[in-house]
Amino acid sequence: IREVMREPHWSREKINHALNTTLSRTLNTSFTTLAVLVTIFIFG
């Protein structure tokens, strides 16, 4: 978001763009973390 805000005339579309471009990293990290936690929950 900070990178987007450095650009002039930032808008809702640019904030959405920031969220969409980090969505892959956010969900992948969550899924890999959950895989470990669920395994320990079941077998720990």
ModelCIF file with pLDDT and N, C-alpha, C, O atoms, coordinates in Angstrom:
data_MODEL
#
_entry.id   MODEL 
#
_entity.id                         1 
_entity.type                       polymer 
_entity.pdbx_number_of_molecules   1 
#
_entity_poly.entity_id                      1 
_entity_poly.type                           'polypeptide(L)' 
_entity_poly.nstd_linkage                   no 
_entity_poly.nstd_monomer                   no 
_entity_poly.pdbx_seq_one_letter_code       IREVMREPHWSREKINHALNTTLSRTLNTSFTTLAVLVTIFIFG 
_entity_poly.pdbx_seq_one_letter_code_can   IREVMREPHWSREKINHALNTTLSRTLNTSFTTLAVLVTIFIFG 
_entity_poly.pdbx_strand_id                 A 
#
loop_
_entity_poly_seq.entity_id 
_entity_poly_seq.num 
_entity_poly_seq.mon_id 
_entity_poly_seq.hetero 
1 1  ILE n 
1 2  ARG n 
1 3  GLU n 
1 4  VAL n 
1 5  MET n 
1 6  ARG n 
1 7  GLU n 
1 8  PRO n 
1 9  HIS n 
1 10 TRP n 
1 11 SER n 
1 12 ARG n 
1 13 GLU n 
1 14 LYS n 
1 15 ILE n 
1 16 ASN n 
1 17 HIS n 
1 18 ALA n 
1 19 LEU n 
1 20 ASN n 
1 21 THR n 
1 22 THR n 
1 23 LEU n 
1 24 SER n 
1 25 ARG n 
1 26 THR n 
1 27 LEU n 
1 28 ASN n 
1 29 THR n 
1 30 SER n 
1 31 PHE n 
1 32 THR n 
1 33 THR n 
1 34 LEU n 
1 35 ALA n 
1 36 VAL n 
1 37 LEU n 
1 38 VAL n 
1 39 THR n 
1 40 ILE n 
1 41 PHE n 
1 42 ILE n 
1 43 PHE n 
1 44 GLY n 
#
_struct_asym.id          A 
_struct_asym.entity_id   1 
#
loop_
_ma_qa_metric.id 
_ma_qa_metric.mode 
_ma_qa_metric.name 
_ma_qa_metric.software_group_id 
_ma_qa_metric.type 
1 global pLDDT . pLDDT 
2 local  pLDDT . pLDDT 
#
_ma_qa_metric_global.metric_id      1 
_ma_qa_metric_global.metric_value   83.68 
_ma_qa_metric_global.model_id       1 
_ma_qa_metric_global.ordinal_id     1 
#
loop_
_ma_qa_metric_local.label_asym_id 
_ma_qa_metric_local.label_comp_id 
_ma_qa_metric_local.label_seq_id 
_ma_qa_metric_local.metric_id 
_ma_qa_metric_local.metric_value 
_ma_qa_metric_local.model_id 
_ma_qa_metric_local.ordinal_id 
A ILE 1  2 86.00 1 1  
A ARG 2  2 84.00 1 2  
A GLU 3  2 84.00 1 3  
A VAL 4  2 78.00 1 4  
A MET 5  2 73.00 1 5  
A ARG 6  2 68.00 1 6  
A GLU 7  2 60.00 1 7  
A PRO 8  2 57.00 1 8  
A HIS 9  2 58.00 1 9  
A TRP 10 2 61.00 1 10 
A SER 11 2 71.00 1 11 
A ARG 12 2 78.00 1 12 
A GLU 13 2 82.00 1 13 
A LYS 14 2 82.00 1 14 
A ILE 15 2 85.00 1 15 
A ASN 16 2 88.00 1 16 
A HIS 17 2 86.00 1 17 
A ALA 18 2 87.00 1 18 
A LEU 19 2 89.00 1 19 
A ASN 20 2 89.00 1 20 
A THR 21 2 86.00 1 21 
A THR 22 2 87.00 1 22 
A LEU 23 2 88.00 1 23 
A SER 24 2 85.00 1 24 
A ARG 25 2 85.00 1 25 
A THR 26 2 87.00 1 26 
A LEU 27 2 87.00 1 27 
A ASN 28 2 85.00 1 28 
A THR 29 2 86.00 1 29 
A SER 30 2 89.00 1 30 
A PHE 31 2 90.00 1 31 
A THR 32 2 89.00 1 32 
A THR 33 2 90.00 1 33 
A LEU 34 2 93.00 1 34 
A ALA 35 2 93.00 1 35 
A VAL 36 2 93.00 1 36 
A LEU 37 2 93.00 1 37 
A VAL 38 2 94.00 1 38 
A THR 39 2 94.00 1 39 
A ILE 40 2 91.00 1 40 
A PHE 41 2 91.00 1 41 
A ILE 42 2 91.00 1 42 
A PHE 43 2 88.00 1 43 
A GLY 44 2 81.00 1 44 
#
loop_
_atom_site.group_PDB 
_atom_site.id 
_atom_site.type_symbol 
_atom_site.label_atom_id 
_atom_site.label_alt_id 
_atom_site.label_comp_id 
_atom_site.label_asym_id 
_atom_site.label_entity_id 
_atom_site.label_seq_id 
_atom_site.pdbx_PDB_ins_code 
_atom_site.Cartn_x 
_atom_site.Cartn_y 
_atom_site.Cartn_z 
_atom_site.occupancy 
_atom_site.B_iso_or_equiv 
_atom_site.pdbx_formal_charge 
_atom_site.auth_seq_id 
_atom_site.auth_comp_id 
_atom_site.auth_asym_id 
_atom_site.auth_atom_id 
_atom_site.pdbx_PDB_model_num 
ATOM 1   N N  . ILE A 1 1  ? 0.841  -1.201  0.000  1.00 86.00 ? 1  ILE A N  1 
ATOM 2   C CA . ILE A 1 1  ? 0.000  0.000   0.000  1.00 86.00 ? 1  ILE A CA 1 
ATOM 3   C C  . ILE A 1 1  ? 0.878  1.254   0.000  1.00 86.00 ? 1  ILE A C  1 
ATOM 4   O O  . ILE A 1 1  ? 0.566  2.226   -0.688 1.00 86.00 ? 1  ILE A O  1 
ATOM 5   N N  . ARG A 1 2  ? 1.955  1.237   0.754  1.00 84.00 ? 2  ARG A N  1 
ATOM 6   C CA . ARG A 1 2  ? 2.852  2.389   0.801  1.00 84.00 ? 2  ARG A CA 1 
ATOM 7   C C  . ARG A 1 2  ? 3.452  2.670   -0.580 1.00 84.00 ? 2  ARG A C  1 
ATOM 8   O O  . ARG A 1 2  ? 3.590  3.829   -0.971 1.00 84.00 ? 2  ARG A O  1 
ATOM 9   N N  . GLU A 1 3  ? 3.804  1.624   -1.313 1.00 84.00 ? 3  GLU A N  1 
ATOM 10  C CA . GLU A 1 3  ? 4.307  1.815   -2.670 1.00 84.00 ? 3  GLU A CA 1 
ATOM 11  C C  . GLU A 1 3  ? 3.261  2.486   -3.548 1.00 84.00 ? 3  GLU A C  1 
ATOM 12  O O  . GLU A 1 3  ? 3.581  3.368   -4.346 1.00 84.00 ? 3  GLU A O  1 
ATOM 13  N N  . VAL A 1 4  ? 2.002  2.062   -3.397 1.00 78.00 ? 4  VAL A N  1 
ATOM 14  C CA . VAL A 1 4  ? 0.919  2.651   -4.183 1.00 78.00 ? 4  VAL A CA 1 
ATOM 15  C C  . VAL A 1 4  ? 0.722  4.119   -3.799 1.00 78.00 ? 4  VAL A C  1 
ATOM 16  O O  . VAL A 1 4  ? 0.506  4.966   -4.665 1.00 78.00 ? 4  VAL A O  1 
ATOM 17  N N  . MET A 1 5  ? 0.799  4.418   -2.494 1.00 73.00 ? 5  MET A N  1 
ATOM 18  C CA . MET A 1 5  ? 0.532  5.769   -2.026 1.00 73.00 ? 5  MET A CA 1 
ATOM 19  C C  . MET A 1 5  ? 1.616  6.757   -2.436 1.00 73.00 ? 5  MET A C  1 
ATOM 20  O O  . MET A 1 5  ? 1.388  7.966   -2.379 1.00 73.00 ? 5  MET A O  1 
ATOM 21  N N  . ARG A 1 6  ? 2.786  6.282   -2.846 1.00 68.00 ? 6  ARG A N  1 
ATOM 22  C CA . ARG A 1 6  ? 3.823  7.175   -3.333 1.00 68.00 ? 6  ARG A CA 1 
ATOM 23  C C  . ARG A 1 6  ? 3.453  7.754   -4.698 1.00 68.00 ? 6  ARG A C  1 
ATOM 24  O O  . ARG A 1 6  ? 3.944  8.810   -5.098 1.00 68.00 ? 6  ARG A O  1 
ATOM 25  N N  . GLU A 1 7  ? 2.590  7.046   -5.392 1.00 60.00 ? 7  GLU A N  1 
ATOM 26  C CA . GLU A 1 7  ? 2.176  7.529   -6.697 1.00 60.00 ? 7  GLU A CA 1 
ATOM 27  C C  . GLU A 1 7  ? 1.172  8.671   -6.529 1.00 60.00 ? 7  GLU A C  1 
ATOM 28  O O  . GLU A 1 7  ? 0.382  8.655   -5.585 1.00 60.00 ? 7  GLU A O  1 
ATOM 29  N N  . PRO A 1 8  ? 1.186  9.654   -7.420 1.00 57.00 ? 8  PRO A N  1 
ATOM 30  C CA . PRO A 1 8  ? 0.213  10.745  -7.300 1.00 57.00 ? 8  PRO A CA 1 
ATOM 31  C C  . PRO A 1 8  ? -1.196 10.263  -7.599 1.00 57.00 ? 8  PRO A C  1 
ATOM 32  O O  . PRO A 1 8  ? -1.403 9.314   -8.355 1.00 57.00 ? 8  PRO A O  1 
ATOM 33  N N  . HIS A 1 9  ? -2.170 10.947  -6.981 1.00 58.00 ? 9  HIS A N  1 
ATOM 34  C CA . HIS A 1 9  ? -3.581 10.673  -7.241 1.00 58.00 ? 9  HIS A CA 1 
ATOM 35  C C  . HIS A 1 9  ? -3.961 9.225   -6.913 1.00 58.00 ? 9  HIS A C  1 
ATOM 36  O O  . HIS A 1 9  ? -4.612 8.558   -7.718 1.00 58.00 ? 9  HIS A O  1 
ATOM 37  N N  . TRP A 1 10 ? -3.560 8.741   -5.742 1.00 61.00 ? 10 TRP A N  1 
ATOM 38  C CA . TRP A 1 10 ? -3.914 7.378   -5.369 1.00 61.00 ? 10 TRP A CA 1 
ATOM 39  C C  . TRP A 1 10 ? -5.421 7.285   -5.176 1.00 61.00 ? 10 TRP A C  1 
ATOM 40  O O  . TRP A 1 10 ? -6.076 8.274   -4.845 1.00 61.00 ? 10 TRP A O  1 
ATOM 41  N N  . SER A 1 11 ? -5.959 6.105   -5.382 1.00 71.00 ? 11 SER A N  1 
ATOM 42  C CA . SER A 1 11 ? -7.402 5.923   -5.410 1.00 71.00 ? 11 SER A CA 1 
ATOM 43  C C  . SER A 1 11 ? -7.777 4.554   -4.866 1.00 71.00 ? 11 SER A C  1 
ATOM 44  O O  . SER A 1 11 ? -6.918 3.746   -4.510 1.00 71.00 ? 11 SER A O  1 
ATOM 45  N N  . ARG A 1 12 ? -9.090 4.313   -4.811 1.00 78.00 ? 12 ARG A N  1 
ATOM 46  C CA . ARG A 1 12 ? -9.598 3.014   -4.372 1.00 78.00 ? 12 ARG A CA 1 
ATOM 47  C C  . ARG A 1 12 ? -9.036 1.900   -5.242 1.00 78.00 ? 12 ARG A C  1 
ATOM 48  O O  . ARG A 1 12 ? -8.686 0.835   -4.736 1.00 78.00 ? 12 ARG A O  1 
ATOM 49  N N  . GLU A 1 13 ? -8.949 2.136   -6.541 1.00 82.00 ? 13 GLU A N  1 
ATOM 50  C CA . GLU A 1 13 ? -8.458 1.116   -7.471 1.00 82.00 ? 13 GLU A CA 1 
ATOM 51  C C  . GLU A 1 13 ? -7.018 0.730   -7.152 1.00 82.00 ? 13 GLU A C  1 
ATOM 52  O O  . GLU A 1 13 ? -6.643 -0.436  -7.269 1.00 82.00 ? 13 GLU A O  1 
ATOM 53  N N  . LYS A 1 14 ? -6.217 1.708   -6.751 1.00 82.00 ? 14 LYS A N  1 
ATOM 54  C CA . LYS A 1 14 ? -4.815 1.413   -6.457 1.00 82.00 ? 14 LYS A CA 1 
ATOM 55  C C  . LYS A 1 14 ? -4.676 0.630   -5.154 1.00 82.00 ? 14 LYS A C  1 
ATOM 56  O O  . LYS A 1 14 ? -3.815 -0.245  -5.052 1.00 82.00 ? 14 LYS A O  1 
ATOM 57  N N  . ILE A 1 15 ? -5.510 0.929   -4.158 1.00 85.00 ? 15 ILE A N  1 
ATOM 58  C CA . ILE A 1 15 ? -5.486 0.150   -2.918 1.00 85.00 ? 15 ILE A CA 1 
ATOM 59  C C  . ILE A 1 15 ? -5.947 -1.274  -3.203 1.00 85.00 ? 15 ILE A C  1 
ATOM 60  O O  . ILE A 1 15 ? -5.363 -2.229  -2.691 1.00 85.00 ? 15 ILE A O  1 
ATOM 61  N N  . ASN A 1 16 ? -6.989 -1.423  -4.013 1.00 88.00 ? 16 ASN A N  1 
ATOM 62  C CA . ASN A 1 16 ? -7.436 -2.758  -4.413 1.00 88.00 ? 16 ASN A CA 1 
ATOM 63  C C  . ASN A 1 16 ? -6.328 -3.497  -5.139 1.00 88.00 ? 16 ASN A C  1 
ATOM 64  O O  . ASN A 1 16 ? -6.133 -4.696  -4.942 1.00 88.00 ? 16 ASN A O  1 
ATOM 65  N N  . HIS A 1 17 ? -5.601 -2.767  -5.985 1.00 86.00 ? 17 HIS A N  1 
ATOM 66  C CA . HIS A 1 17 ? -4.489 -3.391  -6.715 1.00 86.00 ? 17 HIS A CA 1 
ATOM 67  C C  . HIS A 1 17 ? -3.423 -3.897  -5.743 1.00 86.00 ? 17 HIS A C  1 
ATOM 68  O O  . HIS A 1 17 ? -2.871 -4.982  -5.929 1.00 86.00 ? 17 HIS A O  1 
ATOM 69  N N  . ALA A 1 18 ? -3.137 -3.108  -4.707 1.00 87.00 ? 18 ALA A N  1 
ATOM 70  C CA . ALA A 1 18 ? -2.158 -3.525  -3.700 1.00 87.00 ? 18 ALA A CA 1 
ATOM 71  C C  . ALA A 1 18 ? -2.610 -4.805  -2.998 1.00 87.00 ? 18 ALA A C  1 
ATOM 72  O O  . ALA A 1 18 ? -1.806 -5.711  -2.777 1.00 87.00 ? 18 ALA A O  1 
ATOM 73  N N  . LEU A 1 19 ? -3.890 -4.878  -2.651 1.00 89.00 ? 19 LEU A N  1 
ATOM 74  C CA . LEU A 1 19 ? -4.414 -6.072  -1.973 1.00 89.00 ? 19 LEU A CA 1 
ATOM 75  C C  . LEU A 1 19 ? -4.420 -7.278  -2.901 1.00 89.00 ? 19 LEU A C  1 
ATOM 76  O O  . LEU A 1 19 ? -4.078 -8.384  -2.481 1.00 89.00 ? 19 LEU A O  1 
ATOM 77  N N  . ASN A 1 20 ? -4.804 -7.079  -4.151 1.00 89.00 ? 20 ASN A N  1 
ATOM 78  C CA . ASN A 1 20 ? -4.863 -8.189  -5.103 1.00 89.00 ? 20 ASN A CA 1 
ATOM 79  C C  . ASN A 1 20 ? -3.482 -8.731  -5.436 1.00 89.00 ? 20 ASN A C  1 
ATOM 80  O O  . ASN A 1 20 ? -3.321 -9.937  -5.624 1.00 89.00 ? 20 ASN A O  1 
ATOM 81  N N  . THR A 1 21 ? -2.478 -7.852  -5.511 1.00 86.00 ? 21 THR A N  1 
ATOM 82  C CA . THR A 1 21 ? -1.133 -8.319  -5.864 1.00 86.00 ? 21 THR A CA 1 
ATOM 83  C C  . THR A 1 21 ? -0.448 -9.035  -4.702 1.00 86.00 ? 21 THR A C  1 
ATOM 84  O O  . THR A 1 21 ? 0.497  -9.793  -4.921 1.00 86.00 ? 21 THR A O  1 
ATOM 85  N N  . THR A 1 22 ? -0.906 -8.810  -3.475 1.00 87.00 ? 22 THR A N  1 
ATOM 86  C CA . THR A 1 22 ? -0.347 -9.544  -2.328 1.00 87.00 ? 22 THR A CA 1 
ATOM 87  C C  . THR A 1 22 ? -1.226 -10.732 -1.926 1.00 87.00 ? 22 THR A C  1 
ATOM 88  O O  . THR A 1 22 ? -0.884 -11.460 -0.994 1.00 87.00 ? 22 THR A O  1 
ATOM 89  N N  . LEU A 1 23 ? -2.340 -10.934 -2.610 1.00 88.00 ? 23 LEU A N  1 
ATOM 90  C CA . LEU A 1 23 ? -3.278 -11.991 -2.239 1.00 88.00 ? 23 LEU A CA 1 
ATOM 91  C C  . LEU A 1 23 ? -2.639 -13.371 -2.345 1.00 88.00 ? 23 LEU A C  1 
ATOM 92  O O  . LEU A 1 23 ? -2.858 -14.231 -1.492 1.00 88.00 ? 23 LEU A O  1 
ATOM 93  N N  . SER A 1 24 ? -1.851 -13.578 -3.393 1.00 85.00 ? 24 SER A N  1 
ATOM 94  C CA . SER A 1 24 ? -1.201 -14.875 -3.585 1.00 85.00 ? 24 SER A CA 1 
ATOM 95  C C  . SER A 1 24 ? -0.289 -15.203 -2.414 1.00 85.00 ? 24 SER A C  1 
ATOM 96  O O  . SER A 1 24 ? -0.328 -16.307 -1.872 1.00 85.00 ? 24 SER A O  1 
ATOM 97  N N  . ARG A 1 25 ? 0.534  -14.230 -2.030 1.00 85.00 ? 25 ARG A N  1 
ATOM 98  C CA . ARG A 1 25 ? 1.460  -14.445 -0.918 1.00 85.00 ? 25 ARG A CA 1 
ATOM 99  C C  . ARG A 1 25 ? 0.685  -14.676 0.384  1.00 85.00 ? 25 ARG A C  1 
ATOM 100 O O  . ARG A 1 25 ? 1.042  -15.555 1.169  1.00 85.00 ? 25 ARG A O  1 
ATOM 101 N N  . THR A 1 26 ? -0.367 -13.895 0.614  1.00 87.00 ? 26 THR A N  1 
ATOM 102 C CA . THR A 1 26 ? -1.155 -14.001 1.838  1.00 87.00 ? 26 THR A CA 1 
ATOM 103 C C  . THR A 1 26 ? -1.788 -15.385 1.982  1.00 87.00 ? 26 THR A C  1 
ATOM 104 O O  . THR A 1 26 ? -1.669 -16.025 3.026  1.00 87.00 ? 26 THR A O  1 
ATOM 105 N N  . LEU A 1 27 ? -2.464 -15.840 0.917  1.00 87.00 ? 27 LEU A N  1 
ATOM 106 C CA . LEU A 1 27 ? -3.166 -17.125 0.988  1.00 87.00 ? 27 LEU A CA 1 
ATOM 107 C C  . LEU A 1 27 ? -2.201 -18.303 1.007  1.00 87.00 ? 27 LEU A C  1 
ATOM 108 O O  . LEU A 1 27 ? -2.439 -19.278 1.719  1.00 87.00 ? 27 LEU A O  1 
ATOM 109 N N  . ASN A 1 28 ? -1.126 -18.233 0.245  1.00 85.00 ? 28 ASN A N  1 
ATOM 110 C CA . ASN A 1 28 ? -0.152 -19.327 0.244  1.00 85.00 ? 28 ASN A CA 1 
ATOM 111 C C  . ASN A 1 28 ? 0.481  -19.501 1.616  1.00 85.00 ? 28 ASN A C  1 
ATOM 112 O O  . ASN A 1 28 ? 0.662  -20.624 2.087  1.00 85.00 ? 28 ASN A O  1 
ATOM 113 N N  . THR A 1 29 ? 0.820  -18.376 2.259  1.00 86.00 ? 29 THR A N  1 
ATOM 114 C CA . THR A 1 29 ? 1.394  -18.456 3.605  1.00 86.00 ? 29 THR A CA 1 
ATOM 115 C C  . THR A 1 29 ? 0.387  -19.057 4.585  1.00 86.00 ? 29 THR A C  1 
ATOM 116 O O  . THR A 1 29 ? 0.741  -19.890 5.419  1.00 86.00 ? 29 THR A O  1 
ATOM 117 N N  . SER A 1 30 ? -0.864 -18.628 4.476  1.00 89.00 ? 30 SER A N  1 
ATOM 118 C CA . SER A 1 30 ? -1.900 -19.148 5.372  1.00 89.00 ? 30 SER A CA 1 
ATOM 119 C C  . SER A 1 30 ? -2.123 -20.643 5.166  1.00 89.00 ? 30 SER A C  1 
ATOM 120 O O  . SER A 1 30 ? -2.249 -21.390 6.136  1.00 89.00 ? 30 SER A O  1 
ATOM 121 N N  . PHE A 1 31 ? -2.173 -21.082 3.916  1.00 90.00 ? 31 PHE A N  1 
ATOM 122 C CA . PHE A 1 31 ? -2.418 -22.498 3.628  1.00 90.00 ? 31 PHE A CA 1 
ATOM 123 C C  . PHE A 1 31 ? -1.276 -23.377 4.132  1.00 90.00 ? 31 PHE A C  1 
ATOM 124 O O  . PHE A 1 31 ? -1.516 -24.437 4.709  1.00 90.00 ? 31 PHE A O  1 
ATOM 125 N N  . THR A 1 32 ? -0.027 -22.938 3.915  1.00 89.00 ? 32 THR A N  1 
ATOM 126 C CA . THR A 1 32 ? 1.103  -23.751 4.372  1.00 89.00 ? 32 THR A CA 1 
ATOM 127 C C  . THR A 1 32 ? 1.155  -23.792 5.898  1.00 89.00 ? 32 THR A C  1 
ATOM 128 O O  . THR A 1 32 ? 1.469  -24.831 6.478  1.00 89.00 ? 32 THR A O  1 
ATOM 129 N N  . THR A 1 33 ? 0.848  -22.663 6.556  1.00 90.00 ? 33 THR A N  1 
ATOM 130 C CA . THR A 1 33 ? 0.815  -22.643 8.020  1.00 90.00 ? 33 THR A CA 1 
ATOM 131 C C  . THR A 1 33 ? -0.295 -23.548 8.549  1.00 90.00 ? 33 THR A C  1 
ATOM 132 O O  . THR A 1 33 ? -0.094 -24.293 9.508  1.00 90.00 ? 33 THR A O  1 
ATOM 133 N N  . LEU A 1 34 ? -1.459 -23.478 7.922  1.00 93.00 ? 34 LEU A N  1 
ATOM 134 C CA . LEU A 1 34 ? -2.583 -24.324 8.343  1.00 93.00 ? 34 LEU A CA 1 
ATOM 135 C C  . LEU A 1 34 ? -2.277 -25.800 8.173  1.00 93.00 ? 34 LEU A C  1 
ATOM 136 O O  . LEU A 1 34 ? -2.692 -26.617 8.995  1.00 93.00 ? 34 LEU A O  1 
ATOM 137 N N  . ALA A 1 35 ? -1.552 -26.151 7.111  1.00 93.00 ? 35 ALA A N  1 
ATOM 138 C CA . ALA A 1 35 ? -1.223 -27.561 6.882  1.00 93.00 ? 35 ALA A CA 1 
ATOM 139 C C  . ALA A 1 35 ? -0.445 -28.136 8.065  1.00 93.00 ? 35 ALA A C  1 
ATOM 140 O O  . ALA A 1 35 ? -0.695 -29.261 8.496  1.00 93.00 ? 35 ALA A O  1 
ATOM 141 N N  . VAL A 1 36 ? 0.501  -27.348 8.585  1.00 93.00 ? 36 VAL A N  1 
ATOM 142 C CA . VAL A 1 36 ? 1.290  -27.785 9.740  1.00 93.00 ? 36 VAL A CA 1 
ATOM 143 C C  . VAL A 1 36 ? 0.425  -27.848 10.997 1.00 93.00 ? 36 VAL A C  1 
ATOM 144 O O  . VAL A 1 36 ? 0.469  -28.826 11.743 1.00 93.00 ? 36 VAL A O  1 
ATOM 145 N N  . LEU A 1 37 ? -0.360 -26.797 11.222 1.00 93.00 ? 37 LEU A N  1 
ATOM 146 C CA . LEU A 1 37 ? -1.171 -26.728 12.438 1.00 93.00 ? 37 LEU A CA 1 
ATOM 147 C C  . LEU A 1 37 ? -2.228 -27.831 12.495 1.00 93.00 ? 37 LEU A C  1 
ATOM 148 O O  . LEU A 1 37 ? -2.438 -28.441 13.543 1.00 93.00 ? 37 LEU A O  1 
ATOM 149 N N  . VAL A 1 38 ? -2.889 -28.083 11.371 1.00 94.00 ? 38 VAL A N  1 
ATOM 150 C CA . VAL A 1 38 ? -3.920 -29.126 11.332 1.00 94.00 ? 38 VAL A CA 1 
ATOM 151 C C  . VAL A 1 38 ? -3.298 -30.496 11.563 1.00 94.00 ? 38 VAL A C  1 
ATOM 152 O O  . VAL A 1 38 ? -3.890 -31.340 12.236 1.00 94.00 ? 38 VAL A O  1 
ATOM 153 N N  . THR A 1 39 ? -2.103 -30.725 11.010 1.00 94.00 ? 39 THR A N  1 
ATOM 154 C CA . THR A 1 39 ? -1.412 -32.004 11.224 1.00 94.00 ? 39 THR A CA 1 
ATOM 155 C C  . THR A 1 39 ? -1.110 -32.218 12.704 1.00 94.00 ? 39 THR A C  1 
ATOM 156 O O  . THR A 1 39 ? -1.334 -33.303 13.241 1.00 94.00 ? 39 THR A O  1 
ATOM 157 N N  . ILE A 1 40 ? -0.593 -31.163 13.364 1.00 91.00 ? 40 ILE A N  1 
ATOM 158 C CA . ILE A 1 40 ? -0.308 -31.284 14.800 1.00 91.00 ? 40 ILE A CA 1 
ATOM 159 C C  . ILE A 1 40 ? -1.609 -31.441 15.589 1.00 91.00 ? 40 ILE A C  1 
ATOM 160 O O  . ILE A 1 40 ? -1.662 -32.197 16.559 1.00 91.00 ? 40 ILE A O  1 
ATOM 161 N N  . PHE A 1 41 ? -2.657 -30.727 15.172 1.00 91.00 ? 41 PHE A N  1 
ATOM 162 C CA . PHE A 1 41 ? -3.951 -30.834 15.853 1.00 91.00 ? 41 PHE A CA 1 
ATOM 163 C C  . PHE A 1 41 ? -4.478 -32.266 15.818 1.00 91.00 ? 41 PHE A C  1 
ATOM 164 O O  . PHE A 1 41 ? -5.023 -32.755 16.807 1.00 91.00 ? 41 PHE A O  1 
ATOM 165 N N  . ILE A 1 42 ? -4.316 -32.931 14.688 1.00 91.00 ? 42 ILE A N  1 
ATOM 166 C CA . ILE A 1 42 ? -4.853 -34.289 14.531 1.00 91.00 ? 42 ILE A CA 1 
ATOM 167 C C  . ILE A 1 42 ? -3.964 -35.329 15.208 1.00 91.00 ? 42 ILE A C  1 
ATOM 168 O O  . ILE A 1 42 ? -4.462 -36.223 15.892 1.00 91.00 ? 42 ILE A O  1 
ATOM 169 N N  . PHE A 1 43 ? -2.646 -35.213 15.019 1.00 88.00 ? 43 PHE A N  1 
ATOM 170 C CA . PHE A 1 43 ? -1.737 -36.270 15.468 1.00 88.00 ? 43 PHE A CA 1 
ATOM 171 C C  . PHE A 1 43 ? -0.902 -35.895 16.688 1.00 88.00 ? 43 PHE A C  1 
ATOM 172 O O  . PHE A 1 43 ? -0.141 -36.727 17.181 1.00 88.00 ? 43 PHE A O  1 
ATOM 173 N N  . GLY A 1 44 ? -1.022 -34.668 17.186 1.00 81.00 ? 44 GLY A N  1 
ATOM 174 C CA . GLY A 1 44 ? -0.136 -34.218 18.254 1.00 81.00 ? 44 GLY A CA 1 
ATOM 175 C C  . GLY A 1 44 ? -0.531 -34.621 19.654 1.00 81.00 ? 44 GLY A C  1 
ATOM 176 O O  . GLY A 1 44 ? 0.163  -34.282 20.613 1.00 81.00 ? 44 GLY A O  1 
#
